[in-house]
Each structure stands twice: as structure tokens, then as C-alpha cells.
C-alpha atoms as a PDB file:
ATOM      1  CA  MET A   1     -32.646 -36.184 -35.827  1.00  0.00           C
ATOM      2  CA  ILE A   2     -30.107 -33.400 -36.186  1.00  0.00           C
ATOM      3  CA  ILE A   3     -27.808 -33.331 -33.195  1.00  0.00           C
ATOM      4  CA  LEU A   4     -25.792 -30.272 -34.105  1.00  0.00           C
ATOM      5  CA  PRO A   5     -26.557 -27.527 -36.619  1.00  0.00           C
ATOM      6  CA  GLU A   6     -23.887 -26.298 -38.998  1.00  0.00           C
ATOM      7  CA  ALA A   7     -20.941 -25.350 -36.854  1.00  0.00           C
ATOM      8  CA  THR A   8     -18.650 -22.416 -37.359  1.00  0.00           C
ATOM      9  CA  SER A   9     -15.758 -24.100 -35.498  1.00  0.00           C
ATOM     10  CA  LEU A  10     -14.792 -27.191 -33.538  1.00  0.00           C
ATOM     11  CA  ARG A  11     -15.083 -25.180 -30.334  1.00  0.00           C
ATOM     12  CA  ALA A  12     -18.662 -24.299 -31.238  1.00  0.00           C
ATOM     13  CA  VAL A  13     -19.396 -27.983 -31.798  1.00  0.00           C
ATOM     14  CA  ASP A  14     -17.848 -28.853 -28.428  1.00  0.00           C
ATOM     15  CA  LEU A  15     -19.892 -26.219 -26.630  1.00  0.00           C
ATOM     16  CA  GLN A  16     -23.151 -27.142 -28.351  1.00  0.00           C
ATOM     17  CA  LEU A  17     -22.586 -30.842 -27.753  1.00  0.00           C
ATOM     18  CA  ALA A  18     -21.848 -30.224 -24.062  1.00  0.00           C
ATOM     19  CA  ILE A  19     -25.026 -28.179 -23.744  1.00  0.00           C
ATOM     20  CA  ARG A  20     -27.139 -30.864 -25.410  1.00  0.00           C
ATOM     21  CA  LEU A  21     -25.617 -33.651 -23.334  1.00  0.00           C
ATOM     22  CA  ALA A  22     -26.182 -31.612 -20.189  1.00  0.00           C
ATOM     23  CA  ARG A  23     -29.853 -31.222 -21.089  1.00  0.00           C
ATOM     24  CA  MET A  24     -30.181 -34.949 -21.732  1.00  0.00           C
ATOM     25  CA  PHE A  25     -28.723 -35.790 -18.333  1.00  0.00           C
ATOM     26  CA  ALA A  26     -30.365 -32.865 -16.505  1.00  0.00           C
ATOM     27  CA  THR A  27     -27.101 -31.340 -15.369  1.00  0.00           C
ATOM     28  CA  ASP A  28     -25.044 -28.229 -16.025  1.00  0.00           C
ATOM     29  CA  ALA A  29     -22.913 -27.976 -19.178  1.00  0.00           C
ATOM     30  CA  LYS A  30     -19.863 -27.004 -17.099  1.00  0.00           C
ATOM     31  CA  PHE A  31     -19.913 -30.477 -15.506  1.00  0.00           C
ATOM     32  CA  VAL A  32     -20.027 -32.137 -18.927  1.00  0.00           C
ATOM     33  CA  ARG A  33     -17.153 -29.961 -20.166  1.00  0.00           C
ATOM     34  CA  GLY A  34     -15.237 -30.820 -17.000  1.00  0.00           C
ATOM     35  CA  MET A  35     -15.257 -34.478 -18.064  1.00  0.00           C
ATOM     36  CA  THR A  36     -13.412 -33.699 -21.307  1.00  0.00           C
ATOM     37  CA  PHE A  37      -9.861 -32.757 -22.178  1.00  0.00           C
ATOM     38  CA  ALA A  38     -10.965 -29.366 -23.520  1.00  0.00           C
ATOM     39  CA  ASN A  39      -9.030 -27.324 -20.968  1.00  0.00           C
ATOM     40  CA  VAL A  40      -5.855 -29.409 -20.754  1.00  0.00           C
ATOM     41  CA  ARG A  41      -2.724 -27.318 -21.083  1.00  0.00           C
ATOM     42  CA  PRO A  42      -0.608 -28.134 -24.168  1.00  0.00           C
ATOM     43  CA  ILE A  43       2.317 -29.287 -22.011  1.00  0.00           C
ATOM     44  CA  SER A  44       0.080 -32.022 -20.571  1.00  0.00           C
ATOM     45  CA  HIS A  45      -1.122 -33.355 -23.935  1.00  0.00           C
ATOM     46  CA  ARG A  46       1.641 -35.967 -23.894  1.00  0.00           C
ATOM     47  CA  LEU A  47       0.005 -37.555 -20.840  1.00  0.00           C
ATOM     48  CA  ILE A  48      -3.252 -38.269 -22.714  1.00  0.00           C
ATOM     49  CA  ALA A  49      -3.386 -41.629 -24.487  1.00  0.00           C
ATOM     50  CA  SER A  50      -3.835 -41.327 -28.246  1.00  0.00           C
ATOM     51  CA  LYS A  51      -5.860 -44.556 -28.254  1.00  0.00           C
ATOM     52  CA  PRO A  52      -8.289 -45.753 -25.586  1.00  0.00           C
ATOM     53  CA  ILE A  53      -6.636 -48.008 -23.024  1.00  0.00           C
ATOM     54  CA  GLN A  54      -9.867 -49.427 -21.662  1.00  0.00           C
ATOM     55  CA  PHE A  55     -12.573 -50.948 -23.810  1.00  0.00           C
ATOM     56  CA  CYS A  56     -15.757 -52.950 -23.545  1.00  0.00           C
ATOM     57  CA  PRO A  57     -15.380 -56.436 -25.062  1.00  0.00           C
ATOM     58  CA  ASN A  58     -19.164 -56.591 -25.632  1.00  0.00           C
ATOM     59  CA  CYS A  59     -19.101 -53.434 -27.742  1.00  0.00           C
ATOM     60  CA  MET A  60     -16.208 -54.452 -29.959  1.00  0.00           C
END
């Protein structure tokens, strides 16, 4: 199964992925995008952890 066709940019991948996830969960793509760091201002990037802080011990 092809999830994303050839992408012209990372932004295009992000948008297409958000749209596909929104369809899967029967919601609007803007809500999916709202759960990402896509719109974080550059000055705030230092507040985002570079590695996940939380993890699932069953998945590791």
C-alpha cells in the first residue's frame, strides 16, 4: 500500500499525511495539523525535546 505519492517537498508530505490521517480518523485535517509542531515559531524550537521524553515500555 502506498501511503504517499512522490512528494515535491517535506511540506507537501506533511500536508498529504495530515489529510490521509484525517480521513482515517474521520476528522478535519486542520485538527491533525494542530497536533504537530508544524506551526511552531523558530524562537520556540528550543522548547521542543529533540528525543521523546515519554515512551511505551511494551513497544520498546
